[in-house]
Each structure stands twice: as C-alpha cells, then as structure tokens.
PDB file of N, CA and C in Angstrom:
ATOM      1  N   MET A   1     -48.222 -70.300  -8.987  1.00  0.00           N
ATOM      2  CA  MET A   1     -48.467 -68.876  -9.112  1.00  0.00           C
ATOM      3  C   MET A   1     -47.464 -68.293 -10.095  1.00  0.00           C
ATOM      4  N   THR A   2     -47.940 -67.580 -11.070  1.00  0.00           N
ATOM      5  CA  THR A   2     -47.085 -67.054 -12.124  1.00  0.00           C
ATOM      6  C   THR A   2     -46.543 -65.668 -11.816  1.00  0.00           C
ATOM      7  N   GLY A   3     -47.163 -64.972 -10.925  1.00  0.00           N
ATOM      8  CA  GLY A   3     -46.725 -63.623 -10.631  1.00  0.00           C
ATOM      9  C   GLY A   3     -47.356 -62.573 -11.541  1.00  0.00           C
ATOM     10  N   TRP A   4     -48.151 -62.994 -12.488  1.00  0.00           N
ATOM     11  CA  TRP A   4     -48.841 -62.081 -13.389  1.00  0.00           C
ATOM     12  C   TRP A   4     -50.227 -61.803 -12.832  1.00  0.00           C
ATOM     13  N   SER A   5     -50.633 -60.564 -12.890  1.00  0.00           N
ATOM     14  CA  SER A   5     -51.980 -60.221 -12.444  1.00  0.00           C
ATOM     15  C   SER A   5     -52.973 -60.571 -13.551  1.00  0.00           C
ATOM     16  N   ASP A   6     -54.234 -60.705 -13.174  1.00  0.00           N
ATOM     17  CA  ASP A   6     -55.259 -61.034 -14.170  1.00  0.00           C
ATOM     18  C   ASP A   6     -55.371 -59.986 -15.271  1.00  0.00           C
ATOM     19  N   PRO A   7     -55.375 -58.699 -14.940  1.00  0.00           N
ATOM     20  CA  PRO A   7     -55.435 -57.702 -16.030  1.00  0.00           C
ATOM     21  C   PRO A   7     -54.232 -57.779 -16.975  1.00  0.00           C
ATOM     22  N   ALA A   8     -53.056 -58.064 -16.437  1.00  0.00           N
ATOM     23  CA  ALA A   8     -51.862 -58.170 -17.291  1.00  0.00           C
ATOM     24  C   ALA A   8     -51.993 -59.350 -18.241  1.00  0.00           C
ATOM     25  N   ILE A   9     -52.506 -60.462 -17.756  1.00  0.00           N
ATOM     26  CA  ILE A   9     -52.697 -61.634 -18.608  1.00  0.00           C
ATOM     27  C   ILE A   9     -53.701 -61.331 -19.704  1.00  0.00           C
ATOM     28  N   TRP A  10     -54.783 -60.642 -19.368  1.00  0.00           N
ATOM     29  CA  TRP A  10     -55.784 -60.298 -20.380  1.00  0.00           C
ATOM     30  C   TRP A  10     -55.236 -59.323 -21.407  1.00  0.00           C
ATOM     31  N   ARG A  11     -54.358 -58.407 -20.979  1.00  0.00           N
ATOM     32  CA  ARG A  11     -53.730 -57.495 -21.947  1.00  0.00           C
ATOM     33  C   ARG A  11     -52.828 -58.273 -22.909  1.00  0.00           C
ATOM     34  N   ILE A  12     -52.109 -59.252 -22.385  1.00  0.00           N
ATOM     35  CA  ILE A  12     -51.256 -60.088 -23.235  1.00  0.00           C
ATOM     36  C   ILE A  12     -52.096 -60.879 -24.221  1.00  0.00           C
ATOM     37  N   VAL A  13     -53.186 -61.473 -23.752  1.00  0.00           N
ATOM     38  CA  VAL A  13     -54.079 -62.233 -24.633  1.00  0.00           C
ATOM     39  C   VAL A  13     -54.648 -61.326 -25.716  1.00  0.00           C
ATOM     40  N   ALA A  14     -55.068 -60.142 -25.352  1.00  0.00           N
ATOM     41  CA  ALA A  14     -55.622 -59.204 -26.330  1.00  0.00           C
ATOM     42  C   ALA A  14     -54.562 -58.785 -27.347  1.00  0.00           C
ATOM     43  N   ALA A  15     -53.347 -58.515 -26.890  1.00  0.00           N
ATOM     44  CA  ALA A  15     -52.272 -58.113 -27.798  1.00  0.00           C
ATOM     45  C   ALA A  15     -51.934 -59.240 -28.771  1.00  0.00           C
ATOM     46  N   LEU A  16     -51.889 -60.465 -28.275  1.00  0.00           N
ATOM     47  CA  LEU A  16     -51.619 -61.599 -29.153  1.00  0.00           C
ATOM     48  C   LEU A  16     -52.753 -61.801 -30.159  1.00  0.00           C
ATOM     49  N   GLY A  17     -53.990 -61.601 -29.721  1.00  0.00           N
ATOM     50  CA  GLY A  17     -55.126 -61.711 -30.635  1.00  0.00           C
ATOM     51  C   GLY A  17     -55.071 -60.657 -31.725  1.00  0.00           C
ATOM     52  N   ILE A  18     -54.766 -59.427 -31.351  1.00  0.00           N
ATOM     53  CA  ILE A  18     -54.664 -58.352 -32.341  1.00  0.00           C
ATOM     54  C   ILE A  18     -53.510 -58.630 -33.303  1.00  0.00           C
ATOM     55  N   GLY A  19     -52.399 -59.097 -32.775  1.00  0.00           N
ATOM     56  CA  GLY A  19     -51.248 -59.423 -33.628  1.00  0.00           C
ATOM     57  C   GLY A  19     -51.565 -60.536 -34.611  1.00  0.00           C
ATOM     58  N   THR A  20     -52.232 -61.578 -34.142  1.00  0.00           N
ATOM     59  CA  THR A  20     -52.611 -62.678 -35.027  1.00  0.00           C
ATOM     60  C   THR A  20     -53.582 -62.200 -36.093  1.00  0.00           C
ATOM     61  N   TYR A  21     -54.541 -61.390 -35.701  1.00  0.00           N
ATOM     62  CA  TYR A  21     -55.499 -60.847 -36.664  1.00  0.00           C
ATOM     63  C   TYR A  21     -54.779 -60.004 -37.710  1.00  0.00           C
ATOM     64  N   ALA A  22     -53.827 -59.186 -37.282  1.00  0.00           N
ATOM     65  CA  ALA A  22     -53.099 -58.319 -38.217  1.00  0.00           C
ATOM     66  C   ALA A  22     -52.296 -59.143 -39.211  1.00  0.00           C
ATOM     67  N   ILE A  23     -51.671 -60.217 -38.747  1.00  0.00           N
ATOM     68  CA  ILE A  23     -50.908 -61.077 -39.657  1.00  0.00           C
ATOM     69  C   ILE A  23     -51.829 -61.712 -40.689  1.00  0.00           C
ATOM     70  N   ARG A  24     -52.937 -62.252 -40.247  1.00  0.00           N
ATOM     71  CA  ARG A  24     -53.865 -62.898 -41.180  1.00  0.00           C
ATOM     72  C   ARG A  24     -54.511 -61.880 -42.118  1.00  0.00           C
ATOM     73  N   PHE A  25     -54.861 -60.715 -41.601  1.00  0.00           N
ATOM     74  CA  PHE A  25     -55.479 -59.690 -42.439  1.00  0.00           C
ATOM     75  C   PHE A  25     -54.520 -59.203 -43.517  1.00  0.00           C
ATOM     76  N   SER A  26     -53.224 -59.176 -43.194  1.00  0.00           N
ATOM     77  CA  SER A  26     -52.258 -58.716 -44.182  1.00  0.00           C
ATOM     78  C   SER A  26     -52.258 -59.607 -45.414  1.00  0.00           C
ATOM     79  N   PHE A  27     -52.550 -60.889 -45.255  1.00  0.00           N
ATOM     80  CA  PHE A  27     -52.615 -61.789 -46.406  1.00  0.00           C
ATOM     81  C   PHE A  27     -54.018 -61.851 -46.996  1.00  0.00           C
ATOM     82  N   LEU A  28     -55.002 -62.060 -46.151  1.00  0.00           N
ATOM     83  CA  LEU A  28     -56.355 -62.275 -46.655  1.00  0.00           C
ATOM     84  C   LEU A  28     -57.060 -60.971 -47.011  1.00  0.00           C
ATOM     85  N   GLY A  29     -56.945 -59.976 -46.180  1.00  0.00           N
ATOM     86  CA  GLY A  29     -57.671 -58.734 -46.410  1.00  0.00           C
ATOM     87  C   GLY A  29     -57.028 -57.840 -47.448  1.00  0.00           C
ATOM     88  N   LEU A  30     -55.725 -57.708 -47.375  1.00  0.00           N
ATOM     89  CA  LEU A  30     -55.049 -56.800 -48.293  1.00  0.00           C
ATOM     90  C   LEU A  30     -54.722 -57.438 -49.637  1.00  0.00           C
ATOM     91  N   LEU A  31     -54.415 -58.744 -49.625  1.00  0.00           N
ATOM     92  CA  LEU A  31     -53.998 -59.412 -50.851  1.00  0.00           C
ATOM     93  C   LEU A  31     -55.044 -60.373 -51.402  1.00  0.00           C
ATOM     94  N   GLY A  32     -56.169 -60.513 -50.726  1.00  0.00           N
ATOM     95  CA  GLY A  32     -57.157 -61.521 -51.095  1.00  0.00           C
ATOM     96  C   GLY A  32     -57.803 -61.323 -52.450  1.00  0.00           C
ATOM     97  N   ASN A  33     -57.965 -60.093 -52.908  1.00  0.00           N
ATOM     98  CA  ASN A  33     -58.643 -59.836 -54.176  1.00  0.00           C
ATOM     99  C   ASN A  33     -57.689 -59.659 -55.347  1.00  0.00           C
ATOM    100  N   ARG A  34     -56.411 -59.817 -55.118  1.00  0.00           N
ATOM    101  CA  ARG A  34     -55.434 -59.587 -56.183  1.00  0.00           C
ATOM    102  C   ARG A  34     -55.123 -60.886 -56.927  1.00  0.00           C
ATOM    103  N   THR A  35     -54.713 -60.734 -58.135  1.00  0.00           N
ATOM    104  CA  THR A  35     -54.255 -61.867 -58.931  1.00  0.00           C
ATOM    105  C   THR A  35     -52.744 -61.975 -58.775  1.00  0.00           C
ATOM    106  N   PHE A  36     -52.284 -63.158 -58.400  1.00  0.00           N
ATOM    107  CA  PHE A  36     -50.857 -63.371 -58.183  1.00  0.00           C
ATOM    108  C   PHE A  36     -50.201 -63.900 -59.449  1.00  0.00           C
ATOM    109  N   PRO A  37     -48.918 -63.638 -59.597  1.00  0.00           N
ATOM    110  CA  PRO A  37     -48.197 -64.227 -60.730  1.00  0.00           C
ATOM    111  C   PRO A  37     -48.146 -65.759 -60.600  1.00  0.00           C
ATOM    112  N   ASP A  38     -47.918 -66.411 -61.712  1.00  0.00           N
ATOM    113  CA  ASP A  38     -47.895 -67.875 -61.710  1.00  0.00           C
ATOM    114  C   ASP A  38     -46.830 -68.447 -60.785  1.00  0.00           C
ATOM    115  N   TRP A  39     -45.676 -67.798 -60.697  1.00  0.00           N
ATOM    116  CA  TRP A  39     -44.615 -68.346 -59.856  1.00  0.00           C
ATOM    117  C   TRP A  39     -44.997 -68.301 -58.381  1.00  0.00           C
ATOM    118  N   VAL A  40     -45.756 -67.310 -57.956  1.00  0.00           N
ATOM    119  CA  VAL A  40     -46.214 -67.239 -56.566  1.00  0.00           C
ATOM    120  C   VAL A  40     -47.228 -68.354 -56.297  1.00  0.00           C
ATOM    121  N   LEU A  41     -48.170 -68.530 -57.200  1.00  0.00           N
ATOM    122  CA  LEU A  41     -49.168 -69.591 -57.031  1.00  0.00           C
ATOM    123  C   LEU A  41     -48.520 -70.964 -57.022  1.00  0.00           C
ATOM    124  N   ARG A  42     -47.499 -71.157 -57.835  1.00  0.00           N
ATOM    125  CA  ARG A  42     -46.792 -72.439 -57.869  1.00  0.00           C
ATOM    126  C   ARG A  42     -46.121 -72.713 -56.517  1.00  0.00           C
ATOM    127  N   HIS A  43     -45.545 -71.699 -55.912  1.00  0.00           N
ATOM    128  CA  HIS A  43     -44.893 -71.869 -54.615  1.00  0.00           C
ATOM    129  C   HIS A  43     -45.911 -72.051 -53.488  1.00  0.00           C
ATOM    130  N   LEU A  44     -47.043 -71.384 -53.574  1.00  0.00           N
ATOM    131  CA  LEU A  44     -48.062 -71.513 -52.536  1.00  0.00           C
ATOM    132  C   LEU A  44     -48.680 -72.911 -52.493  1.00  0.00           C
ATOM    133  N   ARG A  45     -48.639 -73.635 -53.597  1.00  0.00           N
ATOM    134  CA  ARG A  45     -49.172 -75.007 -53.608  1.00  0.00           C
ATOM    135  C   ARG A  45     -48.409 -75.913 -52.660  1.00  0.00           C
ATOM    136  N   TYR A  46     -47.156 -75.600 -52.383  1.00  0.00           N
ATOM    137  CA  TYR A  46     -46.325 -76.454 -51.537  1.00  0.00           C
ATOM    138  C   TYR A  46     -46.397 -76.093 -50.059  1.00  0.00           C
ATOM    139  N   THR A  47     -47.211 -75.139 -49.692  1.00  0.00           N
ATOM    140  CA  THR A  47     -47.301 -74.721 -48.292  1.00  0.00           C
ATOM    141  C   THR A  47     -47.752 -75.861 -47.398  1.00  0.00           C
ATOM    142  N   ALA A  48     -48.827 -76.534 -47.750  1.00  0.00           N
ATOM    143  CA  ALA A  48     -49.327 -77.643 -46.926  1.00  0.00           C
ATOM    144  C   ALA A  48     -48.339 -78.790 -46.882  1.00  0.00           C
ATOM    145  N   VAL A  49     -47.629 -79.021 -47.974  1.00  0.00           N
ATOM    146  CA  VAL A  49     -46.663 -80.111 -48.036  1.00  0.00           C
ATOM    147  C   VAL A  49     -45.492 -79.847 -47.101  1.00  0.00           C
ATOM    148  N   THR A  50     -45.173 -78.606 -46.856  1.00  0.00           N
ATOM    149  CA  THR A  50     -44.060 -78.303 -45.968  1.00  0.00           C
ATOM    150  C   THR A  50     -44.487 -78.184 -44.503  1.00  0.00           C
ATOM    151  N   ILE A  51     -45.731 -77.829 -44.266  1.00  0.00           N
ATOM    152  CA  ILE A  51     -46.189 -77.666 -42.889  1.00  0.00           C
ATOM    153  C   ILE A  51     -46.359 -79.015 -42.192  1.00  0.00           C
ATOM    154  N   LEU A  52     -46.923 -79.991 -42.877  1.00  0.00           N
ATOM    155  CA  LEU A  52     -47.175 -81.291 -42.250  1.00  0.00           C
ATOM    156  C   LEU A  52     -45.889 -81.955 -41.758  1.00  0.00           C
ATOM    157  N   PRO A  53     -44.829 -82.057 -42.555  1.00  0.00           N
ATOM    158  CA  PRO A  53     -43.594 -82.632 -42.008  1.00  0.00           C
ATOM    159  C   PRO A  53     -43.015 -81.825 -40.848  1.00  0.00           C
ATOM    160  N   ALA A  54     -43.181 -80.520 -40.887  1.00  0.00           N
ATOM    161  CA  ALA A  54     -42.671 -79.699 -39.788  1.00  0.00           C
ATOM    162  C   ALA A  54     -43.414 -79.981 -38.487  1.00  0.00           C
ATOM    163  N   LEU A  55     -44.681 -80.338 -38.581  1.00  0.00           N
ATOM    164  CA  LEU A  55     -45.447 -80.679 -37.386  1.00  0.00           C
ATOM    165  C   LEU A  55     -45.159 -82.097 -36.906  1.00  0.00           C
ATOM    166  N   ILE A  56     -44.919 -83.011 -37.831  1.00  0.00           N
ATOM    167  CA  ILE A  56     -44.766 -84.430 -37.496  1.00  0.00           C
ATOM    168  C   ILE A  56     -43.349 -84.780 -37.044  1.00  0.00           C
ATOM    169  N   THR A  57     -42.339 -84.172 -37.631  1.00  0.00           N
ATOM    170  CA  THR A  57     -40.949 -84.553 -37.361  1.00  0.00           C
ATOM    171  C   THR A  57     -40.577 -84.532 -35.879  1.00  0.00           C
ATOM    172  N   PRO A  58     -40.909 -83.514 -35.108  1.00  0.00           N
ATOM    173  CA  PRO A  58     -40.561 -83.566 -33.682  1.00  0.00           C
ATOM    174  C   PRO A  58     -41.240 -84.728 -32.945  1.00  0.00           C
ATOM    175  N   MET A  59     -42.455 -85.092 -33.377  1.00  0.00           N
ATOM    176  CA  MET A  59     -43.147 -86.201 -32.710  1.00  0.00           C
ATOM    177  C   MET A  59     -42.535 -87.542 -33.072  1.00  0.00           C
ATOM    178  N   VAL A  60     -41.826 -87.609 -34.183  1.00  0.00           N
ATOM    179  CA  VAL A  60     -41.162 -88.848 -34.579  1.00  0.00           C
ATOM    180  C   VAL A  60     -39.776 -88.930 -33.949  1.00  0.00           C
ATOM    181  N   LEU A  61     -39.018 -87.854 -33.984  1.00  0.00           N
ATOM    182  CA  LEU A  61     -37.641 -87.892 -33.503  1.00  0.00           C
ATOM    183  C   LEU A  61     -37.514 -87.738 -31.988  1.00  0.00           C
ATOM    184  N   TRP A  62     -38.389 -86.936 -31.371  1.00  0.00           N
ATOM    185  CA  TRP A  62     -38.314 -86.710 -29.931  1.00  0.00           C
ATOM    186  C   TRP A  62     -39.695 -86.868 -29.305  1.00  0.00           C
ATOM    187  N   PRO A  63     -40.262 -88.071 -29.338  1.00  0.00           N
ATOM    188  CA  PRO A  63     -41.635 -88.246 -28.847  1.00  0.00           C
ATOM    189  C   PRO A  63     -41.720 -88.112 -27.327  1.00  0.00           C
ATOM    190  N   GLU A  64     -42.778 -87.464 -26.876  1.00  0.00           N
ATOM    191  CA  GLU A  64     -42.999 -87.298 -25.437  1.00  0.00           C
ATOM    192  C   GLU A  64     -43.299 -88.628 -24.763  1.00  0.00           C
ATOM    193  N   ALA A  65     -43.904 -89.562 -25.514  1.00  0.00           N
ATOM    194  CA  ALA A  65     -44.282 -90.852 -24.941  1.00  0.00           C
ATOM    195  C   ALA A  65     -43.070 -91.645 -24.472  1.00  0.00           C
ATOM    196  N   THR A  66     -41.900 -91.380 -25.057  1.00  0.00           N
ATOM    197  CA  THR A  66     -40.693 -92.106 -24.664  1.00  0.00           C
ATOM    198  C   THR A  66     -39.713 -91.200 -23.922  1.00  0.00           C
ATOM    199  N   GLY A  67     -40.174 -90.095 -23.444  1.00  0.00           N
ATOM    200  CA  GLY A  67     -39.313 -89.177 -22.705  1.00  0.00           C
ATOM    201  C   GLY A  67     -38.322 -88.441 -23.592  1.00  0.00           C
ATOM    202  N   GLY A  68     -38.641 -88.301 -24.863  1.00  0.00           N
ATOM    203  CA  GLY A  68     -37.768 -87.578 -25.773  1.00  0.00           C
ATOM    204  C   GLY A  68     -36.733 -88.451 -26.460  1.00  0.00           C
ATOM    205  N   GLN A  69     -36.732 -89.748 -26.178  1.00  0.00           N
ATOM    206  CA  GLN A  69     -35.798 -90.665 -26.817  1.00  0.00           C
ATOM    207  C   GLN A  69     -36.362 -91.149 -28.150  1.00  0.00           C
ATOM    208  N   THR A  70     -35.511 -91.228 -29.159  1.00  0.00           N
ATOM    209  CA  THR A  70     -35.951 -91.703 -30.462  1.00  0.00           C
ATOM    210  C   THR A  70     -36.410 -93.152 -30.336  1.00  0.00           C
ATOM    211  N   ASP A  71     -37.531 -93.459 -30.927  1.00  0.00           N
ATOM    212  CA  ASP A  71     -38.165 -94.769 -30.808  1.00  0.00           C
ATOM    213  C   ASP A  71     -38.159 -95.456 -32.177  1.00  0.00           C
ATOM    214  N   PRO A  72     -37.628 -96.688 -32.271  1.00  0.00           N
ATOM    215  CA  PRO A  72     -37.615 -97.397 -33.554  1.00  0.00           C
ATOM    216  C   PRO A  72     -39.021 -97.611 -34.129  1.00  0.00           C
ATOM    217  N   ALA A  73     -40.012 -97.789 -33.277  1.00  0.00           N
ATOM    218  CA  ALA A  73     -41.380 -97.988 -33.771  1.00  0.00           C
ATOM    219  C   ALA A  73     -41.874 -96.753 -34.511  1.00  0.00           C
ATOM    220  N   ARG A  74     -41.592 -95.588 -33.992  1.00  0.00           N
ATOM    221  CA  ARG A  74     -42.030 -94.362 -34.645  1.00  0.00           C
ATOM    222  C   ARG A  74     -41.232 -94.077 -35.918  1.00  0.00           C
ATOM    223  N   LEU A  75     -39.948 -94.407 -35.905  1.00  0.00           N
ATOM    224  CA  LEU A  75     -39.153 -94.242 -37.119  1.00  0.00           C
ATOM    225  C   LEU A  75     -39.648 -95.185 -38.210  1.00  0.00           C
ATOM    226  N   GLY A  76     -39.967 -96.411 -37.841  1.00  0.00           N
ATOM    227  CA  GLY A  76     -40.504 -97.366 -38.811  1.00  0.00           C
ATOM    228  C   GLY A  76     -41.849 -96.927 -39.348  1.00  0.00           C
ATOM    229  N   ALA A  77     -42.697 -96.394 -38.474  1.00  0.00           N
ATOM    230  CA  ALA A  77     -44.004 -95.911 -38.904  1.00  0.00           C
ATOM    231  C   ALA A  77     -43.855 -94.723 -39.855  1.00  0.00           C
ATOM    232  N   ALA A  78     -42.910 -93.846 -39.569  1.00  0.00           N
ATOM    233  CA  ALA A  78     -42.677 -92.704 -40.459  1.00  0.00           C
ATOM    234  C   ALA A  78     -42.181 -93.185 -41.821  1.00  0.00           C
ATOM    235  N   ALA A  79     -41.275 -94.172 -41.819  1.00  0.00           N
ATOM    236  CA  ALA A  79     -40.774 -94.717 -43.089  1.00  0.00           C
ATOM    237  C   ALA A  79     -41.901 -95.389 -43.868  1.00  0.00           C
ATOM    238  N   ALA A  80     -42.769 -96.133 -43.170  1.00  0.00           N
ATOM    239  CA  ALA A  80     -43.900 -96.786 -43.841  1.00  0.00           C
ATOM    240  C   ALA A  80     -44.875 -95.752 -44.397  1.00  0.00           C
ATOM    241  N   ALA A  81     -45.105 -94.684 -43.673  1.00  0.00           N
ATOM    242  CA  ALA A  81     -46.002 -93.633 -44.154  1.00  0.00           C
ATOM    243  C   ALA A  81     -45.417 -92.951 -45.390  1.00  0.00           C
ATOM    244  N   ILE A  82     -44.126 -92.682 -45.368  1.00  0.00           N
ATOM    245  CA  ILE A  82     -43.484 -92.068 -46.532  1.00  0.00           C
ATOM    246  C   ILE A  82     -43.574 -93.005 -47.730  1.00  0.00           C
ATOM    247  N   ALA A  83     -43.260 -94.291 -47.514  1.00  0.00           N
ATOM    248  CA  ALA A  83     -43.311 -95.259 -48.616  1.00  0.00           C
ATOM    249  C   ALA A  83     -44.736 -95.417 -49.146  1.00  0.00           C
ATOM    250  N   GLY A  84     -45.700 -95.532 -48.236  1.00  0.00           N
ATOM    251  CA  GLY A  84     -47.091 -95.676 -48.660  1.00  0.00           C
ATOM    252  C   GLY A  84     -47.587 -94.469 -49.432  1.00  0.00           C
ATOM    253  N   GLY A  85     -47.219 -93.294 -48.981  1.00  0.00           N
ATOM    254  CA  GLY A  85     -47.616 -92.075 -49.678  1.00  0.00           C
ATOM    255  C   GLY A  85     -46.931 -91.927 -51.022  1.00  0.00           C
ATOM    256  N   TYR A  86     -45.659 -92.294 -51.068  1.00  0.00           N
ATOM    257  CA  TYR A  86     -44.923 -92.177 -52.323  1.00  0.00           C
ATOM    258  C   TYR A  86     -45.448 -93.146 -53.378  1.00  0.00           C
ATOM    259  N   LEU A  87     -45.703 -94.377 -52.951  1.00  0.00           N
ATOM    260  CA  LEU A  87     -46.153 -95.391 -53.903  1.00  0.00           C
ATOM    261  C   LEU A  87     -47.597 -95.187 -54.354  1.00  0.00           C
ATOM    262  N   SER A  88     -48.459 -94.739 -53.445  1.00  0.00           N
ATOM    263  CA  SER A  88     -49.879 -94.621 -53.782  1.00  0.00           C
ATOM    264  C   SER A  88     -50.285 -93.213 -54.219  1.00  0.00           C
ATOM    265  N   ARG A  89     -49.466 -92.213 -53.864  1.00  0.00           N
ATOM    266  CA  ARG A  89     -49.822 -90.819 -54.115  1.00  0.00           C
ATOM    267  C   ARG A  89     -51.144 -90.447 -53.446  1.00  0.00           C
ATOM    268  N   ASN A  90     -51.380 -91.031 -52.264  1.00  0.00           N
ATOM    269  CA  ASN A  90     -52.634 -90.842 -51.551  1.00  0.00           C
ATOM    270  C   ASN A  90     -52.316 -90.599 -50.081  1.00  0.00           C
ATOM    271  N   ALA A  91     -52.768 -89.468 -49.536  1.00  0.00           N
ATOM    272  CA  ALA A  91     -52.467 -89.126 -48.146  1.00  0.00           C
ATOM    273  C   ALA A  91     -53.128 -90.088 -47.163  1.00  0.00           C
ATOM    274  N   ILE A  92     -54.334 -90.549 -47.487  1.00  0.00           N
ATOM    275  CA  ILE A  92     -55.030 -91.473 -46.581  1.00  0.00           C
ATOM    276  C   ILE A  92     -54.270 -92.790 -46.479  1.00  0.00           C
ATOM    277  N   VAL A  93     -53.775 -93.281 -47.600  1.00  0.00           N
ATOM    278  CA  VAL A  93     -52.984 -94.522 -47.586  1.00  0.00           C
ATOM    279  C   VAL A  93     -51.714 -94.320 -46.769  1.00  0.00           C
ATOM    280  N   ALA A  94     -51.071 -93.170 -46.903  1.00  0.00           N
ATOM    281  CA  ALA A  94     -49.862 -92.886 -46.130  1.00  0.00           C
ATOM    282  C   ALA A  94     -50.160 -92.894 -44.634  1.00  0.00           C
ATOM    283  N   ILE A  95     -51.244 -92.264 -44.244  1.00  0.00           N
ATOM    284  CA  ILE A  95     -51.619 -92.226 -42.822  1.00  0.00           C
ATOM    285  C   ILE A  95     -51.923 -93.618 -42.309  1.00  0.00           C
ATOM    286  N   LEU A  96     -52.672 -94.386 -43.077  1.00  0.00           N
ATOM    287  CA  LEU A  96     -53.020 -95.749 -42.656  1.00  0.00           C
ATOM    288  C   LEU A  96     -51.799 -96.649 -42.573  1.00  0.00           C
ATOM    289  N   CYS A  97     -50.870 -96.523 -43.510  1.00  0.00           N
ATOM    290  CA  CYS A  97     -49.638 -97.313 -43.458  1.00  0.00           C
ATOM    291  C   CYS A  97     -48.827 -96.970 -42.204  1.00  0.00           C
ATOM    292  N   GLY A  98     -48.708 -95.695 -41.924  1.00  0.00           N
ATOM    293  CA  GLY A  98     -47.973 -95.281 -40.733  1.00  0.00           C
ATOM    294  C   GLY A  98     -48.635 -95.750 -39.451  1.00  0.00           C
ATOM    295  N   MET A  99     -49.959 -95.606 -39.367  1.00  0.00           N
ATOM    296  CA  MET A  99     -50.678 -96.046 -38.161  1.00  0.00           C
ATOM    297  C   MET A  99     -50.558 -97.551 -37.976  1.00  0.00           C
ATOM    298  N   ALA A 100     -50.780 -98.304 -39.041  1.00  0.00           N
ATOM    299  CA  ALA A 100     -50.726 -99.760 -38.945  1.00  0.00           C
ATOM    300  C   ALA A 100     -49.335-100.214 -38.528  1.00  0.00           C
ATOM    301  N   THR A 101     -48.311 -99.615 -39.083  1.00  0.00           N
ATOM    302  CA  THR A 101     -46.940 -99.992 -38.731  1.00  0.00           C
ATOM    303  C   THR A 101     -46.632 -99.655 -37.285  1.00  0.00           C
ATOM    304  N   LEU A 102     -47.030 -98.480 -36.842  1.00  0.00           N
ATOM    305  CA  LEU A 102     -46.768 -98.086 -35.457  1.00  0.00           C
ATOM    306  C   LEU A 102     -47.433 -99.046 -34.479  1.00  0.00           C
ATOM    307  N   TYR A 103     -48.717 -99.325 -34.698  1.00  0.00           N
ATOM    308  CA  TYR A 103     -49.426-100.205 -33.773  1.00  0.00           C
ATOM    309  C   TYR A 103     -48.905-101.633 -33.845  1.00  0.00           C
ATOM    310  N   LEU A 104     -48.547-102.115 -35.027  1.00  0.00           N
ATOM    311  CA  LEU A 104     -48.028-103.468 -35.169  1.00  0.00           C
ATOM    312  C   LEU A 104     -46.677-103.618 -34.476  1.00  0.00           C
ATOM    313  N   VAL A 105     -45.783-102.676 -34.684  1.00  0.00           N
ATOM    314  CA  VAL A 105     -44.464-102.755 -34.053  1.00  0.00           C
ATOM    315  C   VAL A 105     -44.579-102.627 -32.539  1.00  0.00           C
ATOM    316  N   GLN A 106     -45.429-101.739 -32.079  1.00  0.00           N
ATOM    317  CA  GLN A 106     -45.597-101.601 -30.622  1.00  0.00           C
ATOM    318  C   GLN A 106     -46.230-102.864 -30.035  1.00  0.00           C
ATOM    319  N   PHE A 107     -47.170-103.481 -30.756  1.00  0.00           N
ATOM    320  CA  PHE A 107     -47.785-104.717 -30.275  1.00  0.00           C
ATOM    321  C   PHE A 107     -46.756-105.851 -30.216  1.00  0.00           C
ATOM    322  N   LEU A 108     -45.944-105.969 -31.248  1.00  0.00           N
ATOM    323  CA  LEU A 108     -44.943-107.035 -31.286  1.00  0.00           C
ATOM    324  C   LEU A 108     -43.836-106.822 -30.259  1.00  0.00           C
ATOM    325  N   ALA A 109     -43.506-105.574 -29.971  1.00  0.00           N
ATOM    326  CA  ALA A 109     -42.459-105.273 -28.985  1.00  0.00           C
ATOM    327  C   ALA A 109     -42.959-105.468 -27.560  1.00  0.00           C
ATOM    328  N   GLY A 110     -44.256-105.488 -27.396  1.00  0.00           N
ATOM    329  CA  GLY A 110     -44.816-105.724 -26.069  1.00  0.00           C
ATOM    330  C   GLY A 110     -45.116-104.462 -25.395  1.00  0.00           C
TER     331      GLY A 110
END
C-alpha cells in the first residue's frame, strides 16, 4: 500500500503527461519549422551517439543479473562491441560482436 489515493495518482500521471508534452512541444512545435545554424545541426548529430552509451553503461558496470557487481563477461562484451564498431563502422556488427562475446564467455565460465 502506497498511501496515495487513486485520484492523487491520476493527477500525478496527468501532470507528468502534460509536462512531457510541454517539453517535447517546446522543441518540435515551436522550433520544428525553423532553420538552425550549421553548428547546432552538427551538435545534434551526436545526440544518438551520446544517449546509447548512457543507457548501456549502467548495465555493464552494475548489472542487475549479478546483484550490482561488475562482471568480467559484460566488460569483455562491451570491449568487443566497441572494437567491432570501431573497426567496422557498423552498429549491427558492434551489437553482434558484443552479444557473441557475452554469450561465449558466459558459456565458457559455466
């Protein structure tokens, strides 16, 4: 039991929805039809490149599967994914290298 009433929870959900909509509208609705300077467009190209490592790093360094302890198999898989991506310049190859390394090391470790 959380101690929150159903109407209070729905008000929180609605407020979060409105807030999320306002944040997205501020970029897409207000700035969507404008032409940006070249330096802004150059920086926006790196958005996806910075988001993916931010999502993956906690799963590599503090994985839930091991109770938050750093796992050599996951570190090796991350290194293989980085190497595969760097050498091939292909995201699919990087993902496959990381997956193959993770499963191989876990299989060999038992």
